[in-house]
Amino acid sequence: MGNSESWNVLAAIMNLPIFWSVFAAILVVLEFWAVIRVVKSDASRESKCLWILMLVFVPVISLLAWIFVGPKTRAVQA
């Protein structure tokens, strides 16, 4: 399979409406999950607001940033 054929396969996948529908649905679920995690975190109110605004207005980039550097929940100590 040559390089040209690989691009043709990728282009065919990207033209499928179902691909974008599934991608959008997954993104919405991840966004709600991230917002809920931010709200439940121990971060300050200002930090929570900033993260939620970023998640709403720049969803893909801020979701990736939140996963790597966002507010972390603390482990429950027994």
N, C-alpha and C. Protein backbone atom coordinates (compact mmCIF):
# COMPACT_ATOMS: atom_id res chain seq x y z
N MET A 1 0.85 -1.16 0.00
CA MET A 1 0.00 0.00 0.00
C MET A 1 0.90 1.23 0.00
N GLY A 2 0.84 2.01 -1.02
CA GLY A 2 1.69 3.18 -1.17
C GLY A 2 1.19 4.36 -0.36
N ASN A 3 2.00 5.39 -0.33
CA ASN A 3 1.67 6.59 0.42
C ASN A 3 0.41 7.25 -0.13
N SER A 4 0.27 7.26 -1.44
CA SER A 4 -0.90 7.86 -2.09
C SER A 4 -2.17 7.13 -1.71
N GLU A 5 -2.09 5.80 -1.64
CA GLU A 5 -3.25 5.01 -1.26
C GLU A 5 -3.64 5.26 0.19
N SER A 6 -2.66 5.45 1.05
CA SER A 6 -2.94 5.72 2.46
C SER A 6 -3.72 7.02 2.61
N TRP A 7 -3.32 8.04 1.86
CA TRP A 7 -4.02 9.31 1.92
C TRP A 7 -5.43 9.18 1.37
N ASN A 8 -5.62 8.35 0.35
CA ASN A 8 -6.96 8.14 -0.21
C ASN A 8 -7.88 7.47 0.81
N VAL A 9 -7.36 6.52 1.55
CA VAL A 9 -8.15 5.84 2.57
C VAL A 9 -8.51 6.84 3.68
N LEU A 10 -7.54 7.63 4.11
CA LEU A 10 -7.80 8.64 5.14
C LEU A 10 -8.83 9.65 4.66
N ALA A 11 -8.73 10.09 3.41
CA ALA A 11 -9.69 11.05 2.86
C ALA A 11 -11.09 10.44 2.81
N ALA A 12 -11.19 9.16 2.48
CA ALA A 12 -12.49 8.49 2.42
C ALA A 12 -13.13 8.42 3.81
N ILE A 13 -12.31 8.15 4.82
CA ILE A 13 -12.83 8.08 6.19
C ILE A 13 -13.31 9.46 6.64
N MET A 14 -12.54 10.50 6.34
CA MET A 14 -12.88 11.85 6.77
C MET A 14 -14.15 12.38 6.08
N ASN A 15 -14.51 11.81 4.95
CA ASN A 15 -15.71 12.24 4.24
C ASN A 15 -16.98 11.57 4.75
N LEU A 16 -16.83 10.63 5.67
CA LEU A 16 -18.00 9.93 6.20
C LEU A 16 -18.68 10.76 7.28
N PRO A 17 -19.94 11.10 7.11
CA PRO A 17 -20.64 11.87 8.14
C PRO A 17 -20.72 11.13 9.48
N ILE A 18 -20.78 9.81 9.44
CA ILE A 18 -20.88 9.05 10.69
C ILE A 18 -19.61 9.22 11.52
N PHE A 19 -18.46 9.34 10.85
CA PHE A 19 -17.20 9.55 11.56
C PHE A 19 -17.26 10.83 12.39
N TRP A 20 -17.71 11.91 11.78
CA TRP A 20 -17.77 13.20 12.49
C TRP A 20 -18.85 13.18 13.56
N SER A 21 -19.93 12.46 13.34
CA SER A 21 -20.99 12.36 14.35
C SER A 21 -20.48 11.62 15.59
N VAL A 22 -19.78 10.53 15.37
CA VAL A 22 -19.23 9.77 16.49
C VAL A 22 -18.16 10.59 17.21
N PHE A 23 -17.30 11.27 16.45
CA PHE A 23 -16.27 12.12 17.04
C PHE A 23 -16.90 13.22 17.90
N ALA A 24 -17.94 13.86 17.40
CA ALA A 24 -18.61 14.93 18.14
C ALA A 24 -19.27 14.38 19.41
N ALA A 25 -19.90 13.22 19.31
CA ALA A 25 -20.55 12.62 20.48
C ALA A 25 -19.53 12.28 21.56
N ILE A 26 -18.40 11.71 21.16
CA ILE A 26 -17.34 11.38 22.12
C ILE A 26 -16.80 12.65 22.76
N LEU A 27 -16.61 13.69 21.96
CA LEU A 27 -16.11 14.96 22.48
C LEU A 27 -17.07 15.57 23.50
N VAL A 28 -18.36 15.51 23.24
CA VAL A 28 -19.36 16.06 24.17
C VAL A 28 -19.33 15.28 25.49
N VAL A 29 -19.25 13.97 25.41
CA VAL A 29 -19.20 13.16 26.63
C VAL A 29 -17.94 13.48 27.43
N LEU A 30 -16.80 13.59 26.76
CA LEU A 30 -15.56 13.93 27.45
C LEU A 30 -15.62 15.32 28.07
N GLU A 31 -16.26 16.25 27.38
CA GLU A 31 -16.39 17.61 27.91
C GLU A 31 -17.23 17.62 29.20
N PHE A 32 -18.37 16.93 29.20
CA PHE A 32 -19.20 16.87 30.40
C PHE A 32 -18.44 16.21 31.55
N TRP A 33 -17.73 15.14 31.24
CA TRP A 33 -16.94 14.44 32.25
C TRP A 33 -15.89 15.38 32.85
N ALA A 34 -15.20 16.12 31.98
CA ALA A 34 -14.16 17.03 32.45
C ALA A 34 -14.75 18.15 33.29
N VAL A 35 -15.87 18.72 32.88
CA VAL A 35 -16.50 19.79 33.65
C VAL A 35 -16.92 19.28 35.03
N ILE A 36 -17.49 18.11 35.09
CA ILE A 36 -17.90 17.53 36.37
C ILE A 36 -16.69 17.31 37.27
N ARG A 37 -15.60 16.81 36.69
CA ARG A 37 -14.38 16.60 37.48
C ARG A 37 -13.81 17.92 37.99
N VAL A 38 -13.86 18.96 37.15
CA VAL A 38 -13.36 20.27 37.57
C VAL A 38 -14.21 20.80 38.72
N VAL A 39 -15.52 20.70 38.61
CA VAL A 39 -16.41 21.21 39.66
C VAL A 39 -16.17 20.47 40.97
N LYS A 40 -15.91 19.18 40.92
CA LYS A 40 -15.70 18.40 42.13
C LYS A 40 -14.28 18.50 42.70
N SER A 41 -13.38 19.15 41.98
CA SER A 41 -11.99 19.22 42.43
C SER A 41 -11.84 20.17 43.62
N ASP A 42 -10.68 20.12 44.25
CA ASP A 42 -10.38 20.97 45.41
C ASP A 42 -9.78 22.31 45.00
N ALA A 43 -9.77 22.62 43.74
CA ALA A 43 -9.16 23.86 43.25
C ALA A 43 -9.97 25.07 43.70
N SER A 44 -9.37 26.24 43.58
CA SER A 44 -10.06 27.47 43.95
C SER A 44 -11.19 27.76 42.97
N ARG A 45 -12.10 28.60 43.39
CA ARG A 45 -13.24 28.97 42.55
C ARG A 45 -12.77 29.60 41.24
N GLU A 46 -11.75 30.46 41.31
CA GLU A 46 -11.24 31.14 40.12
C GLU A 46 -10.63 30.13 39.15
N SER A 47 -9.89 29.19 39.67
CA SER A 47 -9.27 28.16 38.84
C SER A 47 -10.34 27.31 38.15
N LYS A 48 -11.37 26.94 38.90
CA LYS A 48 -12.46 26.15 38.33
C LYS A 48 -13.15 26.92 37.21
N CYS A 49 -13.43 28.20 37.44
CA CYS A 49 -14.09 29.01 36.41
C CYS A 49 -13.24 29.11 35.16
N LEU A 50 -11.94 29.31 35.34
CA LEU A 50 -11.04 29.41 34.20
C LEU A 50 -11.02 28.12 33.39
N TRP A 51 -10.93 26.99 34.08
CA TRP A 51 -10.91 25.71 33.38
C TRP A 51 -12.23 25.46 32.64
N ILE A 52 -13.33 25.76 33.27
CA ILE A 52 -14.63 25.53 32.62
C ILE A 52 -14.79 26.43 31.40
N LEU A 53 -14.39 27.70 31.52
CA LEU A 53 -14.45 28.59 30.35
C LEU A 53 -13.58 28.07 29.22
N MET A 54 -12.39 27.62 29.55
CA MET A 54 -11.52 27.06 28.52
C MET A 54 -12.13 25.81 27.88
N LEU A 55 -12.71 24.94 28.70
CA LEU A 55 -13.33 23.72 28.17
C LEU A 55 -14.50 24.03 27.24
N VAL A 56 -15.22 25.10 27.54
CA VAL A 56 -16.38 25.45 26.72
C VAL A 56 -15.97 26.12 25.41
N PHE A 57 -15.02 27.05 25.48
CA PHE A 57 -14.70 27.85 24.31
C PHE A 57 -13.57 27.29 23.44
N VAL A 58 -12.69 26.48 24.00
CA VAL A 58 -11.61 25.86 23.23
C VAL A 58 -11.58 24.37 23.61
N PRO A 59 -12.58 23.61 23.19
CA PRO A 59 -12.78 22.28 23.75
C PRO A 59 -11.64 21.28 23.55
N VAL A 60 -11.14 21.12 22.35
CA VAL A 60 -10.16 20.05 22.11
C VAL A 60 -8.83 20.37 22.80
N ILE A 61 -8.33 21.57 22.60
CA ILE A 61 -7.04 21.94 23.17
C ILE A 61 -7.12 21.98 24.69
N SER A 62 -8.17 22.57 25.24
CA SER A 62 -8.26 22.67 26.69
C SER A 62 -8.53 21.31 27.33
N LEU A 63 -9.22 20.42 26.64
CA LEU A 63 -9.44 19.08 27.17
C LEU A 63 -8.12 18.35 27.30
N LEU A 64 -7.28 18.46 26.28
CA LEU A 64 -5.95 17.84 26.36
C LEU A 64 -5.11 18.48 27.46
N ALA A 65 -5.16 19.80 27.57
CA ALA A 65 -4.41 20.50 28.62
C ALA A 65 -4.92 20.10 29.99
N TRP A 66 -6.23 19.99 30.15
CA TRP A 66 -6.80 19.62 31.44
C TRP A 66 -6.37 18.22 31.85
N ILE A 67 -6.32 17.30 30.89
CA ILE A 67 -5.92 15.93 31.20
C ILE A 67 -4.50 15.89 31.75
N PHE A 68 -3.61 16.72 31.18
CA PHE A 68 -2.21 16.67 31.58
C PHE A 68 -1.88 17.57 32.78
N VAL A 69 -2.47 18.75 32.88
CA VAL A 69 -2.07 19.68 33.94
C VAL A 69 -3.23 20.22 34.76
N GLY A 70 -4.41 19.73 34.54
CA GLY A 70 -5.59 20.25 35.22
C GLY A 70 -5.64 19.87 36.69
N PRO A 71 -6.67 20.34 37.38
CA PRO A 71 -6.81 20.04 38.80
C PRO A 71 -6.98 18.55 39.03
N LYS A 72 -6.23 18.05 39.96
CA LYS A 72 -6.28 16.62 40.29
C LYS A 72 -7.06 16.43 41.58
N THR A 73 -7.80 15.32 41.66
CA THR A 73 -8.50 15.03 42.90
C THR A 73 -7.52 14.33 43.85
N ARG A 74 -7.70 14.57 45.12
CA ARG A 74 -6.83 13.97 46.11
C ARG A 74 -7.34 12.59 46.48
N ALA A 75 -6.41 11.70 46.78
CA ALA A 75 -6.78 10.36 47.21
C ALA A 75 -7.38 10.43 48.60
N VAL A 76 -8.39 9.63 48.82
CA VAL A 76 -9.05 9.59 50.13
C VAL A 76 -8.16 8.82 51.09
N GLN A 77 -7.86 9.46 52.23
CA GLN A 77 -7.02 8.80 53.23
C GLN A 77 -7.89 8.08 54.25
N ALA A 78 -7.51 6.85 54.55
CA ALA A 78 -8.28 6.05 55.50
C ALA A 78 -7.85 6.28 56.91
